[in-house]
PDB file of all heavy atoms in Angstrom:
ATOM      1  N   ASN A   1     120.149 105.451  71.341  1.00  0.00           N
ATOM      2  CA  ASN A   1     119.261 105.624  70.191  1.00  0.00           C
ATOM      3  C   ASN A   1     117.969 106.374  70.482  1.00  0.00           C
ATOM      4  O   ASN A   1     117.382 106.961  69.568  1.00  0.00           O
ATOM      5  CB  ASN A   1     118.929 104.255  69.591  1.00  0.00           C
ATOM      6  CG  ASN A   1     120.171 103.523  69.161  1.00  0.00           C
ATOM      7  OD1 ASN A   1     121.046 104.081  68.517  1.00  0.00           O
ATOM      8  ND2 ASN A   1     120.266 102.262  69.534  1.00  0.00           N
ATOM      9  N   LEU A   2     117.503 106.334  71.716  1.00  0.00           N
ATOM     10  CA  LEU A   2     116.223 106.974  72.072  1.00  0.00           C
ATOM     11  C   LEU A   2     116.358 107.747  73.385  1.00  0.00           C
ATOM     12  O   LEU A   2     115.566 107.556  74.304  1.00  0.00           O
ATOM     13  CB  LEU A   2     115.132 105.896  72.219  1.00  0.00           C
ATOM     14  CG  LEU A   2     114.905 104.939  71.053  1.00  0.00           C
ATOM     15  CD1 LEU A   2     113.974 103.805  71.459  1.00  0.00           C
ATOM     16  CD2 LEU A   2     114.355 105.691  69.855  1.00  0.00           C
ATOM     17  N   PRO A   3     117.333 108.632  73.488  1.00  0.00           N
ATOM     18  CA  PRO A   3     117.635 109.242  74.787  1.00  0.00           C
ATOM     19  C   PRO A   3     116.501 110.039  75.430  1.00  0.00           C
ATOM     20  O   PRO A   3     116.379 110.033  76.652  1.00  0.00           O
ATOM     21  CB  PRO A   3     118.837 110.145  74.490  1.00  0.00           C
ATOM     22  CG  PRO A   3     118.784 110.402  73.040  1.00  0.00           C
ATOM     23  CD  PRO A   3     118.165 109.175  72.419  1.00  0.00           C
ATOM     24  N   SER A   4     115.680 110.704  74.654  1.00  0.00           N
ATOM     25  CA  SER A   4     114.622 111.533  75.252  1.00  0.00           C
ATOM     26  C   SER A   4     113.226 110.979  74.958  1.00  0.00           C
ATOM     27  O   SER A   4     112.235 111.689  75.054  1.00  0.00           O
ATOM     28  CB  SER A   4     114.735 112.968  74.726  1.00  0.00           C
ATOM     29  OG  SER A   4     114.631 112.983  73.320  1.00  0.00           O
ATOM     30  N   SER A   5     113.159 109.716  74.640  1.00  0.00           N
ATOM     31  CA  SER A   5     111.895 109.082  74.278  1.00  0.00           C
ATOM     32  C   SER A   5     111.073 108.696  75.507  1.00  0.00           C
ATOM     33  O   SER A   5     111.624 108.312  76.543  1.00  0.00           O
ATOM     34  CB  SER A   5     112.182 107.838  73.443  1.00  0.00           C
ATOM     35  OG  SER A   5     111.030 107.063  73.286  1.00  0.00           O
ATOM     36  N   SER A   6     109.761 108.760  75.356  1.00  0.00           N
ATOM     37  CA  SER A   6     108.891 108.294  76.434  1.00  0.00           C
ATOM     38  C   SER A   6     109.046 106.783  76.642  1.00  0.00           C
ATOM     39  O   SER A   6     108.841 106.276  77.739  1.00  0.00           O
ATOM     40  CB  SER A   6     107.431 108.648  76.153  1.00  0.00           C
ATOM     41  OG  SER A   6     106.993 108.085  74.943  1.00  0.00           O
ATOM     42  N   ALA A   7     109.459 106.061  75.603  1.00  0.00           N
ATOM     43  CA  ALA A   7     109.702 104.623  75.735  1.00  0.00           C
ATOM     44  C   ALA A   7     110.899 104.370  76.647  1.00  0.00           C
ATOM     45  O   ALA A   7     110.879 103.440  77.465  1.00  0.00           O
ATOM     46  CB  ALA A   7     109.935 103.998  74.367  1.00  0.00           C
ATOM     47  N   THR A   8     111.913 105.204  76.548  1.00  0.00           N
ATOM     48  CA  THR A   8     113.091 105.078  77.418  1.00  0.00           C
ATOM     49  C   THR A   8     112.720 105.388  78.857  1.00  0.00           C
ATOM     50  O   THR A   8     113.081 104.642  79.774  1.00  0.00           O
ATOM     51  CB  THR A   8     114.214 106.013  76.937  1.00  0.00           C
ATOM     52  OG1 THR A   8     114.596 105.630  75.617  1.00  0.00           O
ATOM     53  CG2 THR A   8     115.432 105.953  77.842  1.00  0.00           C
ATOM     54  N   VAL A   9     112.001 106.478  79.064  1.00  0.00           N
ATOM     55  CA  VAL A   9     111.564 106.864  80.406  1.00  0.00           C
ATOM     56  C   VAL A   9     110.699 105.752  81.004  1.00  0.00           C
ATOM     57  O   VAL A   9     110.843 105.405  82.175  1.00  0.00           O
ATOM     58  CB  VAL A   9     110.804 108.209  80.371  1.00  0.00           C
ATOM     59  CG1 VAL A   9     110.195 108.539  81.718  1.00  0.00           C
ATOM     60  CG2 VAL A   9     111.723 109.322  79.905  1.00  0.00           C
ATOM     61  N   SER A  10     109.831 105.176  80.182  1.00  0.00           N
ATOM     62  CA  SER A  10     108.969 104.085  80.643  1.00  0.00           C
ATOM     63  C   SER A  10     109.791 102.894  81.104  1.00  0.00           C
ATOM     64  O   SER A  10     109.555 102.337  82.177  1.00  0.00           O
ATOM     65  CB  SER A  10     108.006 103.651  79.536  1.00  0.00           C
ATOM     66  OG  SER A  10     107.117 104.673  79.227  1.00  0.00           O
ATOM     67  N   TRP A  11     110.772 102.485  80.287  1.00  0.00           N
ATOM     68  CA  TRP A  11     111.580 101.326  80.685  1.00  0.00           C
ATOM     69  C   TRP A  11     112.375 101.621  81.943  1.00  0.00           C
ATOM     70  O   TRP A  11     112.490 100.771  82.830  1.00  0.00           O
ATOM     71  CB  TRP A  11     112.513 100.830  79.571  1.00  0.00           C
ATOM     72  CG  TRP A  11     113.362  99.730  80.135  1.00  0.00           C
ATOM     73  CD1 TRP A  11     114.687  99.765  80.442  1.00  0.00           C
ATOM     74  CD2 TRP A  11     112.910  98.432  80.552  1.00  0.00           C
ATOM     75  NE1 TRP A  11     115.084  98.584  81.033  1.00  0.00           N
ATOM     76  CE2 TRP A  11     114.006  97.755  81.104  1.00  0.00           C
ATOM     77  CE3 TRP A  11     111.672  97.792  80.524  1.00  0.00           C
ATOM     78  CZ2 TRP A  11     113.905  96.455  81.604  1.00  0.00           C
ATOM     79  CZ3 TRP A  11     111.584  96.502  81.028  1.00  0.00           C
ATOM     80  CH2 TRP A  11     112.685  95.840  81.550  1.00  0.00           C
ATOM     81  N   GLU A  12     112.932 102.826  82.044  1.00  0.00           N
ATOM     82  CA  GLU A  12     113.706 103.173  83.245  1.00  0.00           C
ATOM     83  C   GLU A  12     112.852 103.036  84.499  1.00  0.00           C
ATOM     84  O   GLU A  12     113.320 102.525  85.514  1.00  0.00           O
ATOM     85  CB  GLU A  12     114.276 104.584  83.124  1.00  0.00           C
ATOM     86  CG  GLU A  12     115.406 104.672  82.116  1.00  0.00           C
ATOM     87  CD  GLU A  12     115.853 106.096  81.821  1.00  0.00           C
ATOM     88  OE1 GLU A  12     115.182 107.059  82.278  1.00  0.00           O
ATOM     89  OE2 GLU A  12     116.860 106.253  81.116  1.00  0.00           O
ATOM     90  N   ALA A  13     111.617 103.455  84.443  1.00  0.00           N
ATOM     91  CA  ALA A  13     110.720 103.329  85.604  1.00  0.00           C
ATOM     92  C   ALA A  13     110.317 101.884  85.823  1.00  0.00           C
ATOM     93  O   ALA A  13     110.348 101.379  86.948  1.00  0.00           O
ATOM     94  CB  ALA A  13     109.487 104.203  85.395  1.00  0.00           C
ATOM     95  N   VAL A  14     109.940 101.206  84.753  1.00  0.00           N
ATOM     96  CA  VAL A  14     109.459  99.826  84.844  1.00  0.00           C
ATOM     97  C   VAL A  14     110.558  98.866  85.307  1.00  0.00           C
ATOM     98  O   VAL A  14     110.267  97.869  85.964  1.00  0.00           O
ATOM     99  CB  VAL A  14     108.865  99.382  83.482  1.00  0.00           C
ATOM    100  CG1 VAL A  14     108.622  97.900  83.415  1.00  0.00           C
ATOM    101  CG2 VAL A  14     107.588 100.155  83.202  1.00  0.00           C
ATOM    102  N   SER A  15     111.794  99.186  85.014  1.00  0.00           N
ATOM    103  CA  SER A  15     112.885  98.277  85.387  1.00  0.00           C
ATOM    104  C   SER A  15     113.005  98.108  86.897  1.00  0.00           C
ATOM    105  O   SER A  15     113.621  97.158  87.364  1.00  0.00           O
ATOM    106  CB  SER A  15     114.215  98.763  84.789  1.00  0.00           C
ATOM    107  OG  SER A  15     114.616  99.985  85.370  1.00  0.00           O
ATOM    108  N   TYR A  16     112.394  99.011  87.664  1.00  0.00           N
ATOM    109  CA  TYR A  16     112.397  98.909  89.131  1.00  0.00           C
ATOM    110  C   TYR A  16     111.163  98.193  89.667  1.00  0.00           C
ATOM    111  O   TYR A  16     111.067  97.934  90.862  1.00  0.00           O
ATOM    112  CB  TYR A  16     112.478 100.306  89.763  1.00  0.00           C
ATOM    113  CG  TYR A  16     113.847 100.931  89.640  1.00  0.00           C
ATOM    114  CD1 TYR A  16     114.138 101.764  88.565  1.00  0.00           C
ATOM    115  CD2 TYR A  16     114.832 100.696  90.587  1.00  0.00           C
ATOM    116  CE1 TYR A  16     115.393 102.343  88.429  1.00  0.00           C
ATOM    117  CE2 TYR A  16     116.086 101.274  90.463  1.00  0.00           C
ATOM    118  CZ  TYR A  16     116.365 102.095  89.384  1.00  0.00           C
ATOM    119  OH  TYR A  16     117.609 102.661  89.264  1.00  0.00           O
ATOM    120  N   ALA A  17     110.217  97.880  88.818  1.00  0.00           N
ATOM    121  CA  ALA A  17     108.968  97.246  89.251  1.00  0.00           C
ATOM    122  C   ALA A  17     109.196  95.778  89.609  1.00  0.00           C
ATOM    123  O   ALA A  17     110.256  95.200  89.332  1.00  0.00           O
ATOM    124  CB  ALA A  17     107.924  97.353  88.147  1.00  0.00           C
ATOM    125  N   VAL A  18     108.184  95.187  90.212  1.00  0.00           N
ATOM    126  CA  VAL A  18     108.220  93.754  90.499  1.00  0.00           C
ATOM    127  C   VAL A  18     108.452  93.034  89.172  1.00  0.00           C
ATOM    128  O   VAL A  18     107.774  93.323  88.176  1.00  0.00           O
ATOM    129  CB  VAL A  18     106.882  93.302  91.125  1.00  0.00           C
ATOM    130  CG1 VAL A  18     106.835  91.798  91.308  1.00  0.00           C
ATOM    131  CG2 VAL A  18     106.643  94.031  92.433  1.00  0.00           C
ATOM    132  N   PRO A  19     109.431  92.138  89.114  1.00  0.00           N
ATOM    133  CA  PRO A  19     109.802  91.518  87.832  1.00  0.00           C
ATOM    134  C   PRO A  19     108.633  90.976  87.021  1.00  0.00           C
ATOM    135  O   PRO A  19     108.571  91.179  85.806  1.00  0.00           O
ATOM    136  CB  PRO A  19     110.767  90.409  88.240  1.00  0.00           C
ATOM    137  CG  PRO A  19     111.405  90.923  89.486  1.00  0.00           C
ATOM    138  CD  PRO A  19     110.303  91.672  90.205  1.00  0.00           C
ATOM    139  N   GLU A  20     107.707  90.288  87.660  1.00  0.00           N
ATOM    140  CA  GLU A  20     106.591  89.672  86.945  1.00  0.00           C
ATOM    141  C   GLU A  20     105.627  90.699  86.348  1.00  0.00           C
ATOM    142  O   GLU A  20     104.834  90.382  85.469  1.00  0.00           O
ATOM    143  CB  GLU A  20     105.817  88.709  87.863  1.00  0.00           C
ATOM    144  CG  GLU A  20     106.628  87.523  88.335  1.00  0.00           C
ATOM    145  CD  GLU A  20     107.614  87.863  89.451  1.00  0.00           C
ATOM    146  OE1 GLU A  20     107.377  88.813  90.231  1.00  0.00           O
ATOM    147  OE2 GLU A  20     108.661  87.193  89.532  1.00  0.00           O
ATOM    148  N   ASP A  21     105.670  91.934  86.839  1.00  0.00           N
ATOM    149  CA  ASP A  21     104.753  92.974  86.375  1.00  0.00           C
ATOM    150  C   ASP A  21     105.364  93.892  85.314  1.00  0.00           C
ATOM    151  O   ASP A  21     104.654  94.705  84.724  1.00  0.00           O
ATOM    152  CB  ASP A  21     104.293  93.837  87.549  1.00  0.00           C
ATOM    153  CG  ASP A  21     103.487  93.048  88.563  1.00  0.00           C
ATOM    154  OD1 ASP A  21     102.927  91.988  88.201  1.00  0.00           O
ATOM    155  OD2 ASP A  21     103.406  93.482  89.729  1.00  0.00           O
ATOM    156  N   ARG A  22     106.659  93.801  85.086  1.00  0.00           N
ATOM    157  CA  ARG A  22     107.339  94.758  84.202  1.00  0.00           C
ATOM    158  C   ARG A  22     106.749  94.812  82.808  1.00  0.00           C
ATOM    159  O   ARG A  22     106.493  95.895  82.276  1.00  0.00           O
ATOM    160  CB  ARG A  22     108.837  94.421  84.115  1.00  0.00           C
ATOM    161  CG  ARG A  22     109.567  94.711  85.381  1.00  0.00           C
ATOM    162  CD  ARG A  22     111.026  94.338  85.299  1.00  0.00           C
ATOM    163  NE  ARG A  22     111.627  94.569  86.604  1.00  0.00           N
ATOM    164  CZ  ARG A  22     112.585  93.834  87.118  1.00  0.00           C
ATOM    165  NH1 ARG A  22     113.110  92.837  86.425  1.00  0.00           N
ATOM    166  NH2 ARG A  22     113.043  94.109  88.313  1.00  0.00           N
ATOM    167  N   TYR A  23     106.527  93.671  82.192  1.00  0.00           N
ATOM    168  CA  TYR A  23     106.028  93.677  80.816  1.00  0.00           C
ATOM    169  C   TYR A  23     104.633  94.293  80.728  1.00  0.00           C
ATOM    170  O   TYR A  23     104.382  95.141  79.872  1.00  0.00           O
ATOM    171  CB  TYR A  23     106.021  92.259  80.223  1.00  0.00           C
ATOM    172  CG  TYR A  23     105.377  92.230  78.860  1.00  0.00           C
ATOM    173  CD1 TYR A  23     106.050  92.759  77.760  1.00  0.00           C
ATOM    174  CD2 TYR A  23     104.099  91.717  78.672  1.00  0.00           C
ATOM    175  CE1 TYR A  23     105.454  92.771  76.506  1.00  0.00           C
ATOM    176  CE2 TYR A  23     103.507  91.718  77.423  1.00  0.00           C
ATOM    177  CZ  TYR A  23     104.194  92.246  76.342  1.00  0.00           C
ATOM    178  OH  TYR A  23     103.604  92.258  75.107  1.00  0.00           O
ATOM    179  N   GLU A  24     103.737  93.889  81.608  1.00  0.00           N
ATOM    180  CA  GLU A  24     102.364  94.395  81.549  1.00  0.00           C
ATOM    181  C   GLU A  24     102.308  95.901  81.798  1.00  0.00           C
ATOM    182  O   GLU A  24     101.531  96.615  81.163  1.00  0.00           O
ATOM    183  CB  GLU A  24     101.455  93.659  82.543  1.00  0.00           C
ATOM    184  CG  GLU A  24     101.053  92.272  82.072  1.00  0.00           C
ATOM    185  CD  GLU A  24     100.327  92.267  80.721  1.00  0.00           C
ATOM    186  OE1 GLU A  24      99.490  93.162  80.469  1.00  0.00           O
ATOM    187  OE2 GLU A  24     100.606  91.373  79.924  1.00  0.00           O
ATOM    188  N   ILE A  25     103.144  96.391  82.708  1.00  0.00           N
ATOM    189  CA  ILE A  25     103.175  97.834  82.963  1.00  0.00           C
ATOM    190  C   ILE A  25     103.675  98.569  81.721  1.00  0.00           C
ATOM    191  O   ILE A  25     103.095  99.565  81.296  1.00  0.00           O
ATOM    192  CB  ILE A  25     104.057  98.153  84.193  1.00  0.00           C
ATOM    193  CG1 ILE A  25     103.443  97.571  85.467  1.00  0.00           C
ATOM    194  CG2 ILE A  25     104.260  99.660  84.327  1.00  0.00           C
ATOM    195  CD1 ILE A  25     104.375  97.608  86.678  1.00  0.00           C
ATOM    196  N   PHE A  26     104.768  98.085  81.127  1.00  0.00           N
ATOM    197  CA  PHE A  26     105.317  98.718  79.931  1.00  0.00           C
ATOM    198  C   PHE A  26     104.316  98.658  78.783  1.00  0.00           C
ATOM    199  O   PHE A  26     104.092  99.649  78.079  1.00  0.00           O
ATOM    200  CB  PHE A  26     106.636  98.060  79.525  1.00  0.00           C
ATOM    201  CG  PHE A  26     107.372  98.800  78.443  1.00  0.00           C
ATOM    202  CD1 PHE A  26     108.263  99.810  78.758  1.00  0.00           C
ATOM    203  CD2 PHE A  26     107.155  98.501  77.109  1.00  0.00           C
ATOM    204  CE1 PHE A  26     108.938 100.505  77.766  1.00  0.00           C
ATOM    205  CE2 PHE A  26     107.823  99.187  76.100  1.00  0.00           C
ATOM    206  CZ  PHE A  26     108.720 100.196  76.435  1.00  0.00           C
ATOM    207  N   LYS A  27     103.700  97.503  78.609  1.00  0.00           N
ATOM    208  CA  LYS A  27     102.705  97.292  77.533  1.00  0.00           C
ATOM    209  C   LYS A  27     101.540  98.267  77.689  1.00  0.00           C
ATOM    210  O   LYS A  27     101.098  98.883  76.710  1.00  0.00           O
ATOM    211  CB  LYS A  27     102.218  95.848  77.563  1.00  0.00           C
ATOM    212  CG  LYS A  27     101.196  95.483  76.503  1.00  0.00           C
ATOM    213  CD  LYS A  27     100.795  94.009  76.655  1.00  0.00           C
ATOM    214  CE  LYS A  27      99.900  93.488  75.594  1.00  0.00           C
ATOM    215  NZ  LYS A  27      98.647  94.177  75.403  1.00  0.00           N
ATOM    216  N   THR A  28     101.050  98.432  78.900  1.00  0.00           N
ATOM    217  CA  THR A  28      99.945  99.353  79.155  1.00  0.00           C
ATOM    218  C   THR A  28     100.348 100.786  78.790  1.00  0.00           C
ATOM    219  O   THR A  28      99.575 101.513  78.157  1.00  0.00           O
ATOM    220  CB  THR A  28      99.503  99.272  80.633  1.00  0.00           C
ATOM    221  OG1 THR A  28      99.091  97.928  80.903  1.00  0.00           O
ATOM    222  CG2 THR A  28      98.378 100.234  80.937  1.00  0.00           C
ATOM    223  N   GLY A  29     101.548 101.180  79.159  1.00  0.00           N
ATOM    224  CA  GLY A  29     102.041 102.513  78.807  1.00  0.00           C
ATOM    225  C   GLY A  29     102.208 102.690  77.315  1.00  0.00           C
ATOM    226  O   GLY A  29     101.852 103.737  76.762  1.00  0.00           O
ATOM    227  N   ALA A  30     102.735 101.668  76.648  1.00  0.00           N
ATOM    228  CA  ALA A  30     102.916 101.729  75.192  1.00  0.00           C
ATOM    229  C   ALA A  30     101.569 101.886  74.501  1.00  0.00           C
ATOM    230  O   ALA A  30     101.415 102.709  73.593  1.00  0.00           O
ATOM    231  CB  ALA A  30     103.633 100.470  74.700  1.00  0.00           C
ATOM    232  N   GLU A  31     100.594 101.115  74.920  1.00  0.00           N
ATOM    233  CA  GLU A  31      99.274 101.181  74.295  1.00  0.00           C
ATOM    234  C   GLU A  31      98.599 102.538  74.541  1.00  0.00           C
ATOM    235  O   GLU A  31      97.932 103.075  73.647  1.00  0.00           O
ATOM    236  CB  GLU A  31      98.395 100.030  74.793  1.00  0.00           C
ATOM    237  CG  GLU A  31      98.880  98.700  74.271  1.00  0.00           C
ATOM    238  CD  GLU A  31      98.122  97.493  74.810  1.00  0.00           C
ATOM    239  OE1 GLU A  31      97.401  97.619  75.827  1.00  0.00           O
ATOM    240  OE2 GLU A  31      98.265  96.419  74.204  1.00  0.00           O
ATOM    241  N   ALA A  32      98.804 103.097  75.736  1.00  0.00           N
ATOM    242  CA  ALA A  32      98.237 104.422  76.027  1.00  0.00           C
ATOM    243  C   ALA A  32      98.890 105.487  75.148  1.00  0.00           C
ATOM    244  O   ALA A  32      98.214 106.366  74.608  1.00  0.00           O
ATOM    245  CB  ALA A  32      98.419 104.755  77.500  1.00  0.00           C
ATOM    246  N   GLU A  33     100.187 105.395  74.977  1.00  0.00           N
ATOM    247  CA  GLU A  33     100.918 106.376  74.160  1.00  0.00           C
ATOM    248  C   GLU A  33     100.589 106.223  72.674  1.00  0.00           C
ATOM    249  O   GLU A  33     100.409 107.210  71.966  1.00  0.00           O
ATOM    250  CB  GLU A  33     102.424 106.180  74.378  1.00  0.00           C
ATOM    251  CG  GLU A  33     103.304 107.064  73.537  1.00  0.00           C
ATOM    252  CD  GLU A  33     103.562 108.433  74.148  1.00  0.00           C
ATOM    253  OE1 GLU A  33     103.278 108.630  75.340  1.00  0.00           O
ATOM    254  OE2 GLU A  33     104.041 109.291  73.408  1.00  0.00           O
TER     255      GLU A  33
END
């Protein structure tokens, strides 16, 4: 549904982060965008 979206790219990167930090990292990116 969102193949070229910055939200998709963000999740792909965040999915490799430390589990406890994933939401905050994604949230920060979403708010910046």
